[in-house]
């Protein structure tokens, strides 16, 4: 393996009259070549020749990174590396006038707050469109400088500042469309609201593992917001006995993703435009009262009752499983829901929650259902599928996907129940099937043999059961013709000059 080339080696090469064909290329071509390299390699080209010394500073995109402390170096040596990097970025920003995208990632090493403020001040003089600052260590304090409001052209901002962050009252990003805030500890509720109110045209907001010490409520009231992602656990909240409240007032919100502790209360307001949602709530501690957790989940789901596509985890449904205390009739009706995905966040083969039947009774237009395993609560007792058919089975359900199918008697019965009772059914997909041939034999023994198609390969197997009895013949002909065309058309060559329109 080739060793590293030192600056001494470079001067030695330069001392010989070796033709430098690359340096003779036009500057525009050289800049394009540099734009294809990682920033650390771009900076290294400055020692190649005199022509290259400042060439890298004419680029518009930079990604500086110290991914982790070097454990063979002392704390002071690592600190010195960080200071050298920040000084280099500062010199770049003072010399260049064309920086458009700047990213600085420094992990687990303390940084000088004054250097960061100076760097932000220099960056504010550029027409930056993208800025990412991911740096700092917990327990440090940092106030965003007032010059942050000078970023009038900024379109995307990522703040991964592991500081206790103070936001100035006059902060404003008039062009900001996307904001990502991670690992930040907000000093108070006013800082949070000042940041949000300073983004008048924001369309995407991500809050990831922020720490809400001394904060009981935040309000995301942004009328232009289209996508909201919230990810934090109970450890991000100050007091386990006084749970946090998140109010979401976004009339134009299209997509919402919530991954957090089930005891965090969400208050959705005016989510009339919502199209898709992802909900993963869990209560690992089991210390929060069941009724309080259920109330939080009902309140969130009620605000999402207009969604067309819903991803929800088994963990979320399991928080409602205590039927002795929780009234599942409080679940909202999802009048527009056509796609429902139930999945396991950790162990993928965990049985599908017994709450699913109650959800299905509230989805009158459901067309596609994904579940981890069969729902055994549908097979016996008073809650049997035959005793309580969801209306979507008779009116709209077309596809069922079961992620794990082992082929036991109950599972075969579950498949049969759906095929016999779903009026508009087209297919069932059984994935991760271990014994395809055995299950095919079982399906044939109950009269499904002519409908089964097995697919194997790439370490997994699946079985597709087509409900041909329920589908008009014209549908099968159309599907067959479409498949044939997709196979043949790539082989057809067309002379565009002779094409008659």
Protein backbone atom coordinates (compact mmCIF):
# COMPACT_ATOMS: atom_id res chain seq x y z
CA UNK A 1 0.00 0.00 0.00
CA UNK A 2 1.34 3.41 -0.94
CA UNK A 3 2.45 5.68 1.88
CA UNK A 4 1.47 9.29 2.45
CA UNK A 5 3.16 12.01 0.40
CA UNK A 6 4.68 14.68 2.61
CA UNK A 7 5.29 18.32 1.67
CA UNK A 8 9.01 17.44 1.44
CA UNK A 9 8.21 14.77 -1.15
CA UNK A 10 6.17 17.31 -3.09
CA UNK A 11 9.06 19.81 -3.20
CA UNK A 12 11.38 16.99 -4.26
CA UNK A 13 9.08 16.14 -7.16
CA UNK A 14 8.76 19.82 -8.06
CA UNK A 15 12.57 20.07 -8.14
CA UNK A 16 12.64 17.75 -11.14
CA UNK A 17 11.34 19.05 -14.42
CA UNK A 18 8.36 16.76 -14.54
CA UNK A 19 5.58 17.90 -16.83
CA UNK A 20 2.58 19.01 -14.76
CA UNK A 21 -0.22 18.31 -17.20
CA UNK A 22 -2.95 18.68 -14.62
CA UNK A 23 -1.91 22.19 -13.60
CA UNK A 24 -2.01 23.24 -17.25
CA UNK A 25 -5.74 22.55 -17.40
CA UNK A 26 -8.11 25.55 -17.38
CA UNK A 27 -8.99 26.84 -13.94
CA UNK A 28 -12.67 25.98 -14.40
CA UNK A 29 -11.78 22.35 -15.10
CA UNK A 30 -9.49 22.21 -12.06
CA UNK A 31 -12.23 23.61 -9.84
CA UNK A 32 -14.67 21.00 -11.14
CA UNK A 33 -12.14 18.26 -10.31
CA UNK A 34 -11.65 19.68 -6.81
CA UNK A 35 -15.41 19.81 -6.25
CA UNK A 36 -15.48 16.02 -6.60
CA UNK A 37 -13.01 15.49 -3.72
CA UNK A 38 -13.60 15.44 0.05
CA UNK A 39 -12.81 18.80 1.67
CA UNK A 40 -9.81 17.42 3.60
CA UNK A 41 -8.21 16.30 0.32
CA UNK A 42 -9.11 19.58 -1.37
CA UNK A 43 -7.17 21.50 1.30
CA UNK A 44 -4.15 19.20 0.83
CA UNK A 45 -3.88 20.22 -2.84
CA UNK A 46 -2.67 23.64 -1.67
CA UNK A 47 0.89 22.23 -1.27
CA UNK A 48 1.11 20.72 -4.76
CA UNK A 49 2.27 23.83 -6.61
CA UNK A 50 2.06 27.60 -6.49
CA UNK A 51 -0.95 27.59 -8.82
CA UNK A 52 -2.82 25.32 -6.42
CA UNK A 53 -2.07 27.29 -3.23
CA UNK A 54 -5.28 29.31 -3.19
CA UNK A 55 -7.26 27.48 -5.85
CA UNK A 56 -9.30 25.47 -3.31
CA UNK A 57 -10.63 28.67 -1.72
CA UNK A 58 -12.60 29.41 -4.92
CA UNK A 59 -14.92 26.46 -4.31
CA UNK A 60 -18.44 27.07 -3.02
CA UNK A 61 -19.04 23.88 -0.97
CA UNK A 62 -17.04 22.85 2.12
CA UNK A 63 -17.48 20.02 4.62
CA UNK A 64 -15.00 20.19 7.51
CA UNK A 65 -15.02 17.34 10.00
CA UNK A 66 -13.18 16.01 13.05
CA UNK A 67 -15.22 12.83 13.57
CA UNK A 68 -13.89 11.84 17.01
CA UNK A 69 -11.02 12.61 19.44
CA UNK A 70 -7.75 10.86 18.68
CA UNK A 71 -7.16 8.68 21.74
CA UNK A 72 -3.41 8.51 21.13
CA UNK A 73 -3.32 12.28 21.65
CA UNK A 74 -3.77 14.29 24.80
CA UNK A 75 -6.79 16.48 25.50
CA UNK A 76 -4.71 19.59 24.73
CA UNK A 77 -3.54 18.14 21.41
CA UNK A 78 -7.11 17.38 20.37
CA UNK A 79 -8.15 20.86 21.47
CA UNK A 80 -5.33 22.34 19.41
CA UNK A 81 -6.52 20.39 16.33
CA UNK A 82 -10.00 21.86 16.76
CA UNK A 83 -8.66 25.40 17.15
CA UNK A 84 -6.50 24.98 14.04
CA UNK A 85 -9.55 23.81 12.06
CA UNK A 86 -11.71 26.72 13.24
CA UNK A 87 -8.90 29.17 12.41
CA UNK A 88 -8.58 27.64 8.93
CA UNK A 89 -12.32 28.00 8.32
CA UNK A 90 -12.16 31.60 9.56
CA UNK A 91 -9.35 32.44 7.13
CA UNK A 92 -11.27 30.78 4.30
CA UNK A 93 -14.40 32.83 5.04
CA UNK A 94 -12.39 36.08 5.17
CA UNK A 95 -10.55 35.36 1.91
CA UNK A 96 -13.29 33.79 -0.20
CA UNK A 97 -16.44 35.49 -1.40
CA UNK A 98 -18.25 32.54 -2.98
CA UNK A 99 -19.01 30.07 -0.13
CA UNK A 100 -22.58 28.78 -0.52
CA UNK A 101 -22.62 25.58 1.56
CA UNK A 102 -20.63 25.16 4.78
CA UNK A 103 -20.63 22.20 7.17
CA UNK A 104 -18.53 21.90 10.35
CA UNK A 105 -18.72 18.68 12.42
CA UNK A 106 -16.59 18.36 15.55
CA UNK A 107 -17.51 15.46 17.82
CA UNK A 108 -16.87 15.15 21.57
CA UNK A 109 -14.23 17.89 21.77
CA UNK A 110 -14.83 21.20 23.52
CA UNK A 111 -14.74 24.28 21.31
CA UNK A 112 -14.00 27.92 22.05
CA UNK A 113 -17.31 29.82 22.03
CA UNK A 114 -15.58 33.05 20.96
CA UNK A 115 -14.07 31.31 17.94
CA UNK A 116 -17.47 29.93 16.99
CA UNK A 117 -19.03 33.41 17.29
CA UNK A 118 -16.25 34.90 15.16
CA UNK A 119 -16.71 32.17 12.57
CA UNK A 120 -20.49 32.80 12.43
CA UNK A 121 -19.81 36.52 12.02
CA UNK A 122 -17.54 35.85 9.04
CA UNK A 123 -19.97 33.36 7.51
CA UNK A 124 -22.83 35.87 7.75
CA UNK A 125 -21.07 38.02 5.15
CA UNK A 126 -21.46 35.29 2.55
CA UNK A 127 -24.59 34.40 0.64
CA UNK A 128 -24.80 31.03 2.33
CA UNK A 129 -27.65 28.73 1.31
CA UNK A 130 -26.74 25.83 3.64
CA UNK A 131 -25.07 25.94 7.05
CA UNK A 132 -24.45 23.02 9.40
CA UNK A 133 -22.80 23.46 12.80
CA UNK A 134 -22.41 20.25 14.80
CA UNK A 135 -20.05 20.84 17.70
CA UNK A 136 -19.60 21.41 21.41
CA UNK A 137 -19.87 19.27 24.53
CA UNK A 138 -22.68 19.13 27.13
CA UNK A 139 -22.83 21.69 29.97
CA UNK A 140 -21.18 24.46 27.95
CA UNK A 141 -23.23 27.61 27.38
CA UNK A 142 -23.48 29.50 24.13
CA UNK A 143 -25.52 32.43 22.85
CA UNK A 144 -26.09 32.77 19.14
CA UNK A 145 -24.56 36.11 18.11
CA UNK A 146 -26.87 38.82 16.80
CA UNK A 147 -25.13 38.62 13.41
CA UNK A 148 -26.95 35.30 12.89
CA UNK A 149 -29.85 37.40 11.65
CA UNK A 150 -27.69 38.57 8.74
CA UNK A 151 -28.10 35.20 6.98
CA UNK A 152 -30.80 36.51 4.65
CA UNK A 153 -30.10 33.96 1.89
CA UNK A 154 -29.91 30.90 4.17
CA UNK A 155 -32.21 28.14 2.91
CA UNK A 156 -31.23 25.23 5.18
CA UNK A 157 -29.80 25.35 8.73
CA UNK A 158 -28.63 22.42 10.88
CA UNK A 159 -27.80 23.26 14.49
CA UNK A 160 -26.22 20.32 16.31
CA UNK A 161 -24.87 22.42 19.15
CA UNK A 162 -24.31 20.48 22.35
CA UNK A 163 -24.57 23.71 24.33
CA UNK A 164 -27.17 25.28 26.54
CA UNK A 165 -28.38 27.61 23.83
CA UNK A 166 -29.68 31.16 24.19
CA UNK A 167 -31.51 32.63 21.20
CA UNK A 168 -31.44 36.43 20.70
CA UNK A 169 -34.86 38.08 20.54
CA UNK A 170 -34.24 39.67 17.14
CA UNK A 171 -33.20 36.48 15.32
CA UNK A 172 -34.74 36.11 11.87
CA UNK A 173 -34.10 33.88 8.88
CA UNK A 174 -36.35 35.34 6.16
CA UNK A 175 -35.52 32.67 3.53
CA UNK A 176 -35.06 29.58 5.72
CA UNK A 177 -37.06 26.57 4.43
CA UNK A 178 -35.48 23.71 6.41
CA UNK A 179 -34.33 23.69 10.05
CA UNK A 180 -32.74 20.74 11.90
CA UNK A 181 -32.03 21.18 15.63
CA UNK A 182 -30.28 18.32 17.46
CA UNK A 183 -28.60 17.75 20.84
CA UNK A 184 -29.38 21.32 21.91
CA UNK A 185 -30.36 22.22 25.46
CA UNK A 186 -32.60 25.28 25.26
CA UNK A 187 -32.11 27.79 28.05
CA UNK A 188 -35.84 28.47 28.43
CA UNK A 189 -39.19 28.41 26.64
CA UNK A 190 -38.60 31.91 25.24
CA UNK A 191 -35.51 30.72 23.35
CA UNK A 192 -37.49 27.96 21.68
CA UNK A 193 -40.32 30.24 20.62
CA UNK A 194 -37.94 32.98 19.41
CA UNK A 195 -36.21 30.46 17.15
CA UNK A 196 -39.49 29.23 15.65
CA UNK A 197 -40.98 32.70 15.23
CA UNK A 198 -37.78 33.81 13.47
CA UNK A 199 -38.48 31.41 10.60
CA UNK A 200 -41.50 32.96 8.82
CA UNK A 201 -41.36 30.72 5.69
CA UNK A 202 -40.15 27.45 7.27
CA UNK A 203 -41.36 24.28 5.52
CA UNK A 204 -39.41 21.46 7.25
CA UNK A 205 -38.56 21.22 10.95
CA UNK A 206 -36.67 18.42 12.72
CA UNK A 207 -36.17 18.33 16.50
CA UNK A 208 -33.81 15.46 17.36
CA UNK A 209 -32.79 14.59 20.91
CA UNK A 210 -33.05 18.12 22.20
CA UNK A 211 -33.06 18.54 25.97
CA UNK A 212 -35.96 20.47 27.46
CA UNK A 213 -34.72 21.28 30.96
CA UNK A 214 -37.06 23.64 32.80
CA UNK A 215 -39.41 23.62 29.81
CA UNK A 216 -42.95 22.35 30.26
CA UNK A 217 -44.42 23.26 26.89
CA UNK A 218 -43.29 24.17 23.40
CA UNK A 219 -45.55 25.44 20.65
CA UNK A 220 -44.82 24.71 17.00
CA UNK A 221 -47.15 27.29 15.45
CA UNK A 222 -45.86 27.75 11.90
CA UNK A 223 -48.48 28.16 9.18
CA UNK A 224 -46.02 27.44 6.32
CA UNK A 225 -44.75 24.16 7.81
CA UNK A 226 -45.08 21.10 5.54
CA UNK A 227 -43.03 18.45 7.35
CA UNK A 228 -42.36 18.00 11.08
CA UNK A 229 -40.09 15.34 12.63
CA UNK A 230 -39.83 14.98 16.41
CA UNK A 231 -37.49 12.46 17.99
CA UNK A 232 -36.74 12.47 21.70
CA UNK A 233 -37.10 10.24 24.74
CA UNK A 234 -38.13 10.82 28.33
CA UNK A 235 -34.47 11.39 29.23
CA UNK A 236 -34.69 14.62 27.21
CA UNK A 237 -37.32 15.95 29.61
CA UNK A 238 -36.50 17.55 32.94
CA UNK A 239 -39.07 16.03 35.34
CA UNK A 240 -40.56 12.55 35.07
CA UNK A 241 -43.52 13.64 37.24
CA UNK A 242 -44.43 16.68 35.14
CA UNK A 243 -44.50 15.57 31.55
CA UNK A 244 -43.87 17.87 28.65
CA UNK A 245 -46.52 19.18 26.25
CA UNK A 246 -45.94 19.82 22.54
CA UNK A 247 -48.58 21.88 20.75
CA UNK A 248 -48.59 21.58 16.96
CA UNK A 249 -50.54 24.25 15.11
CA UNK A 250 -49.73 23.92 11.41
CA UNK A 251 -52.66 24.15 9.05
CA UNK A 252 -50.53 23.26 5.97
CA UNK A 253 -48.65 20.35 7.55
CA UNK A 254 -48.50 17.35 5.20
CA UNK A 255 -46.22 14.94 7.06
CA UNK A 256 -45.64 14.29 10.77
CA UNK A 257 -43.21 11.87 12.43
CA UNK A 258 -43.23 11.39 16.23
CA UNK A 259 -40.76 9.08 17.94
CA UNK A 260 -40.69 9.62 21.68
CA UNK A 261 -41.90 8.53 25.10
CA UNK A 262 -45.64 7.89 25.27
CA UNK A 263 -46.03 10.21 28.27
CA UNK A 264 -45.14 13.30 26.23
CA UNK A 265 -48.42 14.96 25.40
CA UNK A 266 -49.04 16.17 21.86
CA UNK A 267 -51.82 18.66 21.18
CA UNK A 268 -52.49 18.74 17.42
CA UNK A 269 -54.37 21.84 16.22
CA UNK A 270 -55.73 22.44 12.71
CA UNK A 271 -53.88 19.56 11.04
CA UNK A 272 -56.47 19.55 8.26
CA UNK A 273 -53.95 19.04 5.42
CA UNK A 274 -52.09 16.06 6.92
CA UNK A 275 -51.39 13.26 4.43
CA UNK A 276 -49.02 10.83 6.14
CA UNK A 277 -47.86 10.22 9.70
CA UNK A 278 -45.36 8.04 11.52
CA UNK A 279 -46.04 7.32 15.20
CA UNK A 280 -43.70 5.44 17.53
CA UNK A 281 -44.52 5.95 21.19
CA UNK A 282 -43.38 3.68 24.00
CA UNK A 283 -43.34 3.48 27.77
CA UNK A 284 -40.29 1.46 28.79
CA UNK A 285 -40.44 2.55 32.41
CA UNK A 286 -43.98 1.28 33.02
CA UNK A 287 -44.13 3.96 35.72
CA UNK A 288 -46.53 6.28 33.94
CA UNK A 289 -50.25 5.69 34.67
CA UNK A 290 -51.90 3.64 31.92
CA UNK A 291 -54.81 6.05 31.54
CA UNK A 292 -52.52 9.06 31.13
CA UNK A 293 -50.50 7.31 28.41
CA UNK A 294 -53.72 6.22 26.65
CA UNK A 295 -55.06 9.78 26.82
CA UNK A 296 -51.86 11.10 25.19
CA UNK A 297 -52.07 8.56 22.37
CA UNK A 298 -55.79 9.15 21.77
CA UNK A 299 -55.20 12.90 21.64
CA UNK A 300 -52.41 12.58 19.07
CA UNK A 301 -54.27 10.08 16.89
CA UNK A 302 -57.42 12.22 17.02
CA UNK A 303 -55.44 15.09 15.54
CA UNK A 304 -54.25 12.80 12.75
CA UNK A 305 -57.66 11.48 11.74
CA UNK A 306 -57.35 13.00 8.25
CA UNK A 307 -54.21 11.06 7.26
CA UNK A 308 -54.17 8.88 4.16
CA UNK A 309 -51.14 6.84 5.20
CA UNK A 310 -50.25 5.89 8.78
CA UNK A 311 -47.14 4.09 10.09
CA UNK A 312 -47.63 3.02 13.68
CA UNK A 313 -45.52 0.73 15.82
CA UNK A 314 -46.62 -2.26 17.86
CA UNK A 315 -45.13 -0.48 20.89
CA UNK A 316 -47.63 2.34 20.42
CA UNK A 317 -50.56 -0.06 20.21
CA UNK A 318 -49.31 -2.08 23.17
CA UNK A 319 -49.57 1.03 25.34
CA UNK A 320 -53.36 0.65 24.89
CA UNK A 321 -53.55 -3.09 25.53
CA UNK A 322 -54.85 -2.91 29.13
CA UNK A 323 -58.54 -3.19 28.25
CA UNK A 324 -59.60 -3.18 31.90
CA UNK A 325 -58.70 0.52 32.14
CA UNK A 326 -58.51 1.84 28.55
CA UNK A 327 -61.69 2.50 26.56
CA UNK A 328 -60.68 1.73 22.97
CA UNK A 329 -63.93 3.24 21.74
CA UNK A 330 -62.12 6.56 22.18
CA UNK A 331 -59.97 5.76 19.16
CA UNK A 332 -60.77 8.23 16.35
CA UNK A 333 -62.22 7.22 12.99
CA UNK A 334 -59.72 7.64 10.16
CA UNK A 335 -62.10 8.60 7.36
CA UNK A 336 -59.37 9.07 4.69
CA UNK A 337 -56.91 6.33 5.67
CA UNK A 338 -56.05 4.00 2.76
CA UNK A 339 -52.62 2.64 3.83
CA UNK A 340 -51.88 1.31 7.33
CA UNK A 341 -48.42 0.00 8.25
CA UNK A 342 -47.97 -1.70 11.63
CA UNK A 343 -44.39 -2.69 12.37
CA UNK A 344 -42.04 -3.60 15.21
CA UNK A 345 -39.39 -1.07 16.16
CA UNK A 346 -36.98 -3.71 17.54
CA UNK A 347 -37.84 -7.43 17.31
CA UNK A 348 -39.45 -7.64 13.87
CA UNK A 349 -41.16 -10.98 14.47
CA UNK A 350 -43.05 -9.88 17.61
CA UNK A 351 -46.76 -10.70 17.34
CA UNK A 352 -49.06 -8.00 16.01
CA UNK A 353 -50.83 -6.16 18.81
CA UNK A 354 -54.32 -7.26 19.77
CA UNK A 355 -55.41 -3.61 19.52
CA UNK A 356 -55.28 -3.81 15.70
CA UNK A 357 -58.87 -5.12 15.35
CA UNK A 358 -60.09 -1.99 17.12
CA UNK A 359 -58.06 0.18 14.75
CA UNK A 360 -59.47 -1.62 11.70
CA UNK A 361 -63.02 -0.91 12.83
CA UNK A 362 -62.12 2.79 12.54
CA UNK A 363 -60.72 2.64 8.97
CA UNK A 364 -63.69 2.48 6.56
CA UNK A 365 -61.61 3.18 3.41
CA UNK A 366 -58.51 1.09 4.11
CA UNK A 367 -56.99 -0.47 0.96
CA UNK A 368 -53.53 -1.73 2.01
CA UNK A 369 -52.57 -3.29 5.36
CA UNK A 370 -49.03 -4.24 6.47
CA UNK A 371 -48.66 -6.23 9.71
CA UNK A 372 -45.70 -8.07 11.32
CA UNK A 373 -47.62 -11.33 11.95
CA UNK A 374 -51.20 -12.59 11.93
CA UNK A 375 -53.55 -11.17 14.55
CA UNK A 376 -54.44 -14.15 16.71
CA UNK A 377 -57.13 -12.19 18.54
CA UNK A 378 -59.12 -12.41 15.31
CA UNK A 379 -59.30 -16.19 15.46
CA UNK A 380 -61.05 -17.00 18.70
CA UNK A 381 -63.26 -15.65 21.42
CA UNK A 382 -65.79 -12.86 21.26
CA UNK A 383 -63.46 -10.72 19.14
CA UNK A 384 -63.31 -13.24 16.31
CA UNK A 385 -63.11 -11.79 12.82
CA UNK A 386 -66.32 -13.59 11.86
CA UNK A 387 -68.17 -12.05 14.81
CA UNK A 388 -66.94 -8.50 14.17
CA UNK A 389 -65.98 -7.82 10.57
CA UNK A 390 -64.38 -4.39 9.98
CA UNK A 391 -66.30 -2.63 7.24
CA UNK A 392 -63.10 -2.10 5.23
CA UNK A 393 -62.94 -5.87 4.54
CA UNK A 394 -66.23 -5.73 2.70
CA UNK A 395 -65.85 -2.30 1.10
CA UNK A 396 -62.23 -1.44 0.26
CA UNK A 397 -59.36 -3.70 1.44
CA UNK A 398 -57.30 -4.90 -1.53
CA UNK A 399 -53.91 -6.02 -0.22
CA UNK A 400 -52.58 -7.64 2.94
CA UNK A 401 -48.84 -7.98 3.64
CA UNK A 402 -47.66 -10.20 6.51
CA UNK A 403 -43.96 -9.71 7.25
CA UNK A 404 -43.42 -13.02 9.08
CA UNK A 405 -45.38 -16.14 8.24
CA UNK A 406 -44.55 -19.53 9.74
CA UNK A 407 -47.40 -21.60 8.31
CA UNK A 408 -49.08 -22.93 11.44
CA UNK A 409 -52.78 -23.80 11.51
CA UNK A 410 -53.89 -20.46 12.99
CA UNK A 411 -52.02 -18.51 10.32
CA UNK A 412 -53.57 -20.52 7.50
CA UNK A 413 -56.99 -19.94 9.06
CA UNK A 414 -56.27 -16.19 9.23
CA UNK A 415 -55.44 -16.09 5.50
CA UNK A 416 -58.55 -18.07 4.67
CA UNK A 417 -60.75 -15.69 6.65
CA UNK A 418 -59.47 -12.70 4.72
CA UNK A 419 -59.83 -14.40 1.32
CA UNK A 420 -63.39 -15.49 2.04
CA UNK A 421 -64.65 -12.23 3.53
CA UNK A 422 -62.82 -9.41 1.72
CA UNK A 423 -64.95 -8.50 -1.29
CA UNK A 424 -62.34 -6.40 -3.17
CA UNK A 425 -59.28 -8.44 -2.25
CA UNK A 426 -56.49 -8.81 -4.84
CA UNK A 427 -53.57 -10.43 -3.04
CA UNK A 428 -51.90 -11.45 0.18
CA UNK A 429 -48.11 -11.32 0.43
CA UNK A 430 -46.47 -13.59 2.99
CA UNK A 431 -42.84 -12.56 3.53
CA UNK A 432 -39.85 -14.22 5.24
CA UNK A 433 -41.34 -17.67 4.75
CA UNK A 434 -38.93 -20.35 5.96
CA UNK A 435 -40.52 -23.48 4.46
CA UNK A 436 -42.08 -22.38 1.20
CA UNK A 437 -42.85 -25.85 -0.16
CA UNK A 438 -44.51 -27.01 3.06
CA UNK A 439 -46.69 -23.92 3.24
CA UNK A 440 -47.62 -24.28 -0.43
CA UNK A 441 -48.78 -27.83 0.33
CA UNK A 442 -50.84 -26.57 3.27
CA UNK A 443 -52.44 -23.88 1.13
CA UNK A 444 -53.24 -26.43 -1.59
CA UNK A 445 -54.83 -28.71 1.00
CA UNK A 446 -57.35 -25.99 1.84
CA UNK A 447 -58.10 -25.17 -1.79
CA UNK A 448 -55.69 -22.31 -2.42
CA UNK A 449 -53.14 -24.18 -4.51
CA UNK A 450 -54.11 -22.62 -7.83
CA UNK A 451 -53.73 -19.11 -6.48
CA UNK A 452 -50.23 -19.37 -4.99
CA UNK A 453 -47.02 -17.97 -6.43
CA UNK A 454 -43.72 -18.54 -4.61
CA UNK A 455 -40.71 -16.22 -4.91
CA UNK A 456 -37.30 -17.11 -3.47
CA UNK A 457 -33.90 -15.49 -3.53
CA UNK A 458 -31.45 -13.11 -1.86
CA UNK A 459 -31.81 -14.77 1.52
CA UNK A 460 -35.56 -14.44 1.88
CA UNK A 461 -38.70 -16.02 0.51
CA UNK A 462 -42.26 -14.91 0.09
CA UNK A 463 -45.56 -16.28 -1.13
CA UNK A 464 -48.13 -14.25 -3.01
CA UNK A 465 -51.72 -15.46 -2.96
CA UNK A 466 -53.80 -13.93 -5.75
CA UNK A 467 -57.51 -13.85 -5.09
CA UNK A 468 -58.43 -14.58 -8.71
CA UNK A 469 -61.97 -15.59 -7.83
CA UNK A 470 -62.74 -12.04 -6.68
CA UNK A 471 -61.05 -10.16 -9.56
CA UNK A 472 -62.78 -9.66 -12.93
CA UNK A 473 -61.11 -11.40 -15.85
CA UNK A 474 -60.36 -8.10 -17.56
CA UNK A 475 -58.11 -7.13 -14.62
CA UNK A 476 -55.97 -10.26 -15.08
CA UNK A 477 -55.74 -9.67 -18.84
CA UNK A 478 -54.65 -6.07 -18.27
CA UNK A 479 -52.02 -7.13 -15.77
CA UNK A 480 -50.72 -9.81 -18.15
CA UNK A 481 -50.51 -7.37 -21.08
CA UNK A 482 -48.71 -4.81 -18.95
CA UNK A 483 -46.15 -7.40 -17.81
CA UNK A 484 -45.50 -8.51 -21.40
CA UNK A 485 -45.01 -4.91 -22.55
CA UNK A 486 -42.53 -4.23 -19.75
CA UNK A 487 -40.52 -7.25 -20.93
CA UNK A 488 -40.64 -6.48 -24.65
CA UNK A 489 -40.37 -2.68 -24.87
CA UNK A 490 -36.73 -2.44 -23.68
CA UNK A 491 -35.78 -4.60 -26.68
CA UNK A 492 -37.48 -2.33 -29.21
CA UNK A 493 -35.21 0.11 -31.08
CA UNK A 494 -36.70 3.32 -32.49
CA UNK A 495 -35.23 5.57 -35.15
CA UNK A 496 -36.27 9.00 -33.89
CA UNK A 497 -35.64 10.56 -37.31
CA UNK A 498 -38.34 8.41 -38.87
CA UNK A 499 -40.78 8.70 -36.02
CA UNK A 500 -44.14 10.03 -37.22
CA UNK A 501 -46.24 12.00 -34.74
